[in-house]
Amino acid sequence: MESKNSLVRIFSEVEDPRSHINRLHNLTDVIAIGMVAVLCGAETWEQMVAFSKSKIDFLLKFLELPHGIPSKDTINSAFSTIDSVKFEACFLTWVVFRNSD
């Protein structure tokens, strides 16, 4: 069961600025992949993709990934276009909730 303060729920508040044409992957999936990969040591978009492909079974436990792991270009584009202030606010909310459990 998903916690009411889960990473996916909290980051669903970040508005998706991509056009409907470019929404093959869920924004919350892309954000979660980026965050989990970075927390596990990834430093580049390519490393995020490689990490995600190696952990697909784990990621599918809490992400939808209807079209598999997004490409490095998709991850880069998503993180480059989201509202950084809203992302930071969601990140701080997630950290506070994670530390209060």
N, C-alpha and C. Protein backbone atom coordinates (compact mmCIF):
# COMPACT_ATOMS: atom_id res chain seq x y z
N MET A 1 0.84 -1.19 0.00
CA MET A 1 0.00 0.00 0.00
C MET A 1 0.88 1.25 0.00
N GLU A 2 0.53 2.22 -0.81
CA GLU A 2 1.31 3.43 -0.93
C GLU A 2 1.05 4.36 0.24
N SER A 3 2.12 4.85 0.85
CA SER A 3 2.02 5.80 1.95
C SER A 3 1.46 7.12 1.42
N LYS A 4 0.68 7.79 2.27
CA LYS A 4 0.11 9.08 1.84
C LYS A 4 1.19 10.13 1.62
N ASN A 5 2.38 9.88 2.11
CA ASN A 5 3.48 10.82 1.96
C ASN A 5 4.57 10.29 1.04
N SER A 6 4.21 9.40 0.14
CA SER A 6 5.19 8.78 -0.74
C SER A 6 5.80 9.78 -1.71
N LEU A 7 6.96 9.41 -2.20
CA LEU A 7 7.66 10.23 -3.18
C LEU A 7 6.77 10.51 -4.39
N VAL A 8 6.09 9.50 -4.89
CA VAL A 8 5.25 9.67 -6.08
C VAL A 8 4.10 10.63 -5.80
N ARG A 9 3.43 10.49 -4.67
CA ARG A 9 2.31 11.37 -4.35
C ARG A 9 2.78 12.80 -4.16
N ILE A 10 3.85 12.99 -3.43
CA ILE A 10 4.34 14.35 -3.17
C ILE A 10 4.76 15.03 -4.47
N PHE A 11 5.50 14.32 -5.32
CA PHE A 11 5.99 14.93 -6.55
C PHE A 11 4.93 15.02 -7.64
N SER A 12 3.77 14.45 -7.42
CA SER A 12 2.69 14.61 -8.40
C SER A 12 2.19 16.05 -8.41
N GLU A 13 2.59 16.82 -7.41
CA GLU A 13 2.21 18.23 -7.36
C GLU A 13 3.03 19.10 -8.31
N VAL A 14 4.13 18.56 -8.86
CA VAL A 14 4.93 19.29 -9.84
C VAL A 14 4.19 19.26 -11.16
N GLU A 15 3.90 20.42 -11.70
CA GLU A 15 3.16 20.52 -12.95
C GLU A 15 4.02 20.06 -14.12
N ASP A 16 3.40 19.33 -15.03
CA ASP A 16 4.11 18.81 -16.19
C ASP A 16 4.05 19.85 -17.32
N PRO A 17 5.19 20.50 -17.62
CA PRO A 17 5.19 21.55 -18.64
C PRO A 17 5.32 21.03 -20.07
N ARG A 18 5.47 19.72 -20.23
CA ARG A 18 5.66 19.16 -21.56
C ARG A 18 4.35 19.19 -22.35
N SER A 19 4.48 19.30 -23.66
CA SER A 19 3.28 19.25 -24.50
C SER A 19 2.70 17.85 -24.43
N HIS A 20 1.43 17.72 -24.73
CA HIS A 20 0.78 16.41 -24.69
C HIS A 20 1.43 15.43 -25.66
N ILE A 21 2.01 15.94 -26.71
CA ILE A 21 2.69 15.10 -27.69
C ILE A 21 3.91 14.42 -27.07
N ASN A 22 4.57 15.13 -26.14
CA ASN A 22 5.81 14.63 -25.55
C ASN A 22 5.62 14.00 -24.18
N ARG A 23 4.47 13.41 -23.92
CA ARG A 23 4.21 12.82 -22.60
C ARG A 23 4.09 11.30 -22.67
N LEU A 24 5.07 10.68 -23.25
CA LEU A 24 5.08 9.23 -23.32
C LEU A 24 5.29 8.63 -21.93
N HIS A 25 6.09 9.30 -21.10
CA HIS A 25 6.39 8.83 -19.75
C HIS A 25 5.76 9.77 -18.73
N ASN A 26 5.26 9.20 -17.64
CA ASN A 26 4.67 10.00 -16.56
C ASN A 26 5.76 10.86 -15.92
N LEU A 27 5.46 12.12 -15.68
CA LEU A 27 6.45 13.00 -15.07
C LEU A 27 6.87 12.49 -13.70
N THR A 28 5.93 12.00 -12.91
CA THR A 28 6.31 11.49 -11.58
C THR A 28 7.23 10.28 -11.69
N ASP A 29 7.06 9.46 -12.71
CA ASP A 29 7.97 8.34 -12.93
C ASP A 29 9.37 8.85 -13.24
N VAL A 30 9.46 9.85 -14.10
CA VAL A 30 10.76 10.41 -14.48
C VAL A 30 11.44 11.04 -13.27
N ILE A 31 10.70 11.80 -12.48
CA ILE A 31 11.27 12.43 -11.29
C ILE A 31 11.74 11.37 -10.30
N ALA A 32 10.92 10.36 -10.07
CA ALA A 32 11.28 9.30 -9.13
C ALA A 32 12.53 8.57 -9.60
N ILE A 33 12.61 8.26 -10.88
CA ILE A 33 13.79 7.60 -11.43
C ILE A 33 15.03 8.46 -11.19
N GLY A 34 14.92 9.73 -11.49
CA GLY A 34 16.05 10.63 -11.27
C GLY A 34 16.49 10.68 -9.83
N MET A 35 15.54 10.80 -8.94
CA MET A 35 15.87 10.92 -7.52
C MET A 35 16.46 9.63 -6.96
N VAL A 36 15.83 8.51 -7.25
CA VAL A 36 16.33 7.23 -6.74
C VAL A 36 17.72 6.95 -7.31
N ALA A 37 17.90 7.20 -8.59
CA ALA A 37 19.20 6.95 -9.22
C ALA A 37 20.29 7.82 -8.60
N VAL A 38 20.00 9.09 -8.38
CA VAL A 38 20.98 9.99 -7.78
C VAL A 38 21.29 9.56 -6.35
N LEU A 39 20.27 9.20 -5.59
CA LEU A 39 20.50 8.73 -4.22
C LEU A 39 21.38 7.47 -4.20
N CYS A 40 21.36 6.72 -5.30
CA CYS A 40 22.17 5.50 -5.38
C CYS A 40 23.49 5.72 -6.12
N GLY A 41 23.83 6.97 -6.38
CA GLY A 41 25.14 7.30 -6.92
C GLY A 41 25.22 7.74 -8.37
N ALA A 42 24.13 7.76 -9.09
CA ALA A 42 24.16 8.20 -10.48
C ALA A 42 24.48 9.70 -10.54
N GLU A 43 25.31 10.06 -11.50
CA GLU A 43 25.70 11.47 -11.65
C GLU A 43 25.37 12.04 -13.02
N THR A 44 25.00 11.19 -13.96
CA THR A 44 24.69 11.66 -15.31
C THR A 44 23.35 11.08 -15.74
N TRP A 45 22.80 11.65 -16.81
CA TRP A 45 21.53 11.14 -17.35
C TRP A 45 21.72 9.69 -17.79
N GLU A 46 22.86 9.39 -18.40
CA GLU A 46 23.14 8.03 -18.86
C GLU A 46 23.19 7.05 -17.68
N GLN A 47 23.81 7.47 -16.58
CA GLN A 47 23.88 6.61 -15.40
C GLN A 47 22.50 6.40 -14.78
N MET A 48 21.64 7.41 -14.86
CA MET A 48 20.27 7.26 -14.36
C MET A 48 19.53 6.18 -15.16
N VAL A 49 19.70 6.19 -16.47
CA VAL A 49 19.05 5.20 -17.32
C VAL A 49 19.62 3.81 -17.03
N ALA A 50 20.93 3.70 -16.96
CA ALA A 50 21.56 2.39 -16.70
C ALA A 50 21.12 1.84 -15.34
N PHE A 51 21.10 2.70 -14.32
CA PHE A 51 20.66 2.27 -13.00
C PHE A 51 19.21 1.79 -13.07
N SER A 52 18.36 2.57 -13.71
CA SER A 52 16.93 2.25 -13.79
C SER A 52 16.69 0.94 -14.51
N LYS A 53 17.41 0.72 -15.58
CA LYS A 53 17.25 -0.55 -16.32
C LYS A 53 17.68 -1.73 -15.45
N SER A 54 18.71 -1.53 -14.63
CA SER A 54 19.17 -2.62 -13.78
C SER A 54 18.25 -2.88 -12.59
N LYS A 55 17.39 -1.91 -12.28
CA LYS A 55 16.49 -2.02 -11.12
C LYS A 55 15.02 -1.95 -11.53
N ILE A 56 14.72 -2.33 -12.76
CA ILE A 56 13.35 -2.21 -13.26
C ILE A 56 12.34 -2.95 -12.40
N ASP A 57 12.67 -4.14 -11.91
CA ASP A 57 11.72 -4.90 -11.09
C ASP A 57 11.40 -4.14 -9.81
N PHE A 58 12.39 -3.54 -9.20
CA PHE A 58 12.17 -2.73 -8.00
C PHE A 58 11.31 -1.50 -8.32
N LEU A 59 11.66 -0.79 -9.38
CA LEU A 59 10.94 0.44 -9.73
C LEU A 59 9.47 0.18 -10.06
N LEU A 60 9.19 -0.97 -10.65
CA LEU A 60 7.81 -1.30 -11.00
C LEU A 60 6.93 -1.55 -9.77
N LYS A 61 7.52 -1.65 -8.61
CA LYS A 61 6.74 -1.81 -7.38
C LYS A 61 6.03 -0.53 -6.99
N PHE A 62 6.54 0.63 -7.45
CA PHE A 62 5.90 1.89 -7.08
C PHE A 62 5.75 2.89 -8.23
N LEU A 63 6.22 2.53 -9.40
CA LEU A 63 6.06 3.40 -10.57
C LEU A 63 5.22 2.68 -11.62
N GLU A 64 4.58 3.44 -12.49
CA GLU A 64 3.78 2.84 -13.56
C GLU A 64 4.64 2.39 -14.73
N LEU A 65 5.51 3.24 -15.21
CA LEU A 65 6.42 2.95 -16.33
C LEU A 65 5.70 2.27 -17.50
N PRO A 66 4.63 2.89 -18.01
CA PRO A 66 3.86 2.26 -19.08
C PRO A 66 4.65 2.03 -20.36
N HIS A 67 5.72 2.79 -20.56
CA HIS A 67 6.54 2.65 -21.76
C HIS A 67 7.99 2.33 -21.40
N GLY A 68 8.18 1.71 -20.25
CA GLY A 68 9.52 1.32 -19.84
C GLY A 68 10.31 2.49 -19.26
N ILE A 69 11.61 2.33 -19.24
CA ILE A 69 12.51 3.35 -18.70
C ILE A 69 12.67 4.46 -19.74
N PRO A 70 12.51 5.71 -19.32
CA PRO A 70 12.69 6.81 -20.28
C PRO A 70 14.16 6.95 -20.69
N SER A 71 14.38 7.54 -21.85
CA SER A 71 15.73 7.76 -22.35
C SER A 71 16.42 8.87 -21.56
N LYS A 72 17.73 8.97 -21.75
CA LYS A 72 18.49 10.04 -21.09
C LYS A 72 17.98 11.40 -21.55
N ASP A 73 17.60 11.51 -22.81
CA ASP A 73 17.09 12.79 -23.32
C ASP A 73 15.76 13.16 -22.68
N THR A 74 14.90 12.17 -22.46
CA THR A 74 13.61 12.42 -21.81
C THR A 74 13.82 12.86 -20.37
N ILE A 75 14.70 12.18 -19.66
CA ILE A 75 14.97 12.55 -18.26
C ILE A 75 15.56 13.96 -18.20
N ASN A 76 16.52 14.24 -19.05
CA ASN A 76 17.15 15.57 -19.11
C ASN A 76 16.10 16.64 -19.40
N SER A 77 15.29 16.40 -20.41
CA SER A 77 14.27 17.36 -20.81
C SER A 77 13.27 17.62 -19.68
N ALA A 78 12.83 16.56 -19.03
CA ALA A 78 11.84 16.71 -17.96
C ALA A 78 12.42 17.54 -16.82
N PHE A 79 13.63 17.21 -16.38
CA PHE A 79 14.23 17.97 -15.28
C PHE A 79 14.58 19.39 -15.68
N SER A 80 14.86 19.61 -16.96
CA SER A 80 15.22 20.95 -17.44
C SER A 80 14.01 21.88 -17.55
N THR A 81 12.82 21.30 -17.67
CA THR A 81 11.64 22.14 -17.91
C THR A 81 10.71 22.30 -16.71
N ILE A 82 10.87 21.46 -15.68
CA ILE A 82 9.96 21.59 -14.54
C ILE A 82 10.29 22.84 -13.73
N ASP A 83 9.32 23.28 -12.97
CA ASP A 83 9.48 24.45 -12.10
C ASP A 83 10.40 24.07 -10.94
N SER A 84 11.60 24.64 -10.92
CA SER A 84 12.59 24.28 -9.91
C SER A 84 12.16 24.68 -8.50
N VAL A 85 11.41 25.74 -8.37
CA VAL A 85 10.94 26.17 -7.05
C VAL A 85 9.92 25.17 -6.51
N LYS A 86 9.01 24.72 -7.35
CA LYS A 86 8.02 23.72 -6.94
C LYS A 86 8.70 22.39 -6.64
N PHE A 87 9.68 22.01 -7.47
CA PHE A 87 10.42 20.78 -7.23
C PHE A 87 11.12 20.84 -5.87
N GLU A 88 11.76 21.96 -5.58
CA GLU A 88 12.45 22.11 -4.30
C GLU A 88 11.47 22.01 -3.13
N ALA A 89 10.32 22.63 -3.25
CA ALA A 89 9.31 22.57 -2.19
C ALA A 89 8.85 21.12 -1.98
N CYS A 90 8.62 20.40 -3.06
CA CYS A 90 8.21 18.99 -2.95
C CYS A 90 9.34 18.16 -2.34
N PHE A 91 10.55 18.42 -2.75
CA PHE A 91 11.69 17.69 -2.20
C PHE A 91 11.79 17.90 -0.70
N LEU A 92 11.66 19.14 -0.25
CA LEU A 92 11.73 19.43 1.18
C LEU A 92 10.57 18.76 1.93
N THR A 93 9.40 18.76 1.34
CA THR A 93 8.26 18.07 1.95
C THR A 93 8.56 16.59 2.10
N TRP A 94 9.09 15.98 1.05
CA TRP A 94 9.41 14.56 1.07
C TRP A 94 10.47 14.25 2.14
N VAL A 95 11.50 15.08 2.23
CA VAL A 95 12.56 14.86 3.22
C VAL A 95 12.00 14.99 4.63
N VAL A 96 11.16 15.98 4.87
CA VAL A 96 10.57 16.18 6.20
C VAL A 96 9.69 14.98 6.57
N PHE A 97 8.84 14.53 5.64
CA PHE A 97 7.97 13.39 5.93
C PHE A 97 8.78 12.12 6.11
N ARG A 98 9.83 11.93 5.33
CA ARG A 98 10.67 10.73 5.47
C ARG A 98 11.34 10.71 6.85
N ASN A 99 11.74 11.87 7.32
CA ASN A 99 12.43 11.96 8.62
C ASN A 99 11.47 11.92 9.81
N SER A 100 10.17 12.11 9.54
CA SER A 100 9.21 12.10 10.65
C SER A 100 8.57 10.73 10.86
N ASP A 101 8.86 9.79 9.94
CA ASP A 101 8.29 8.43 10.08
C ASP A 101 8.95 7.67 11.20
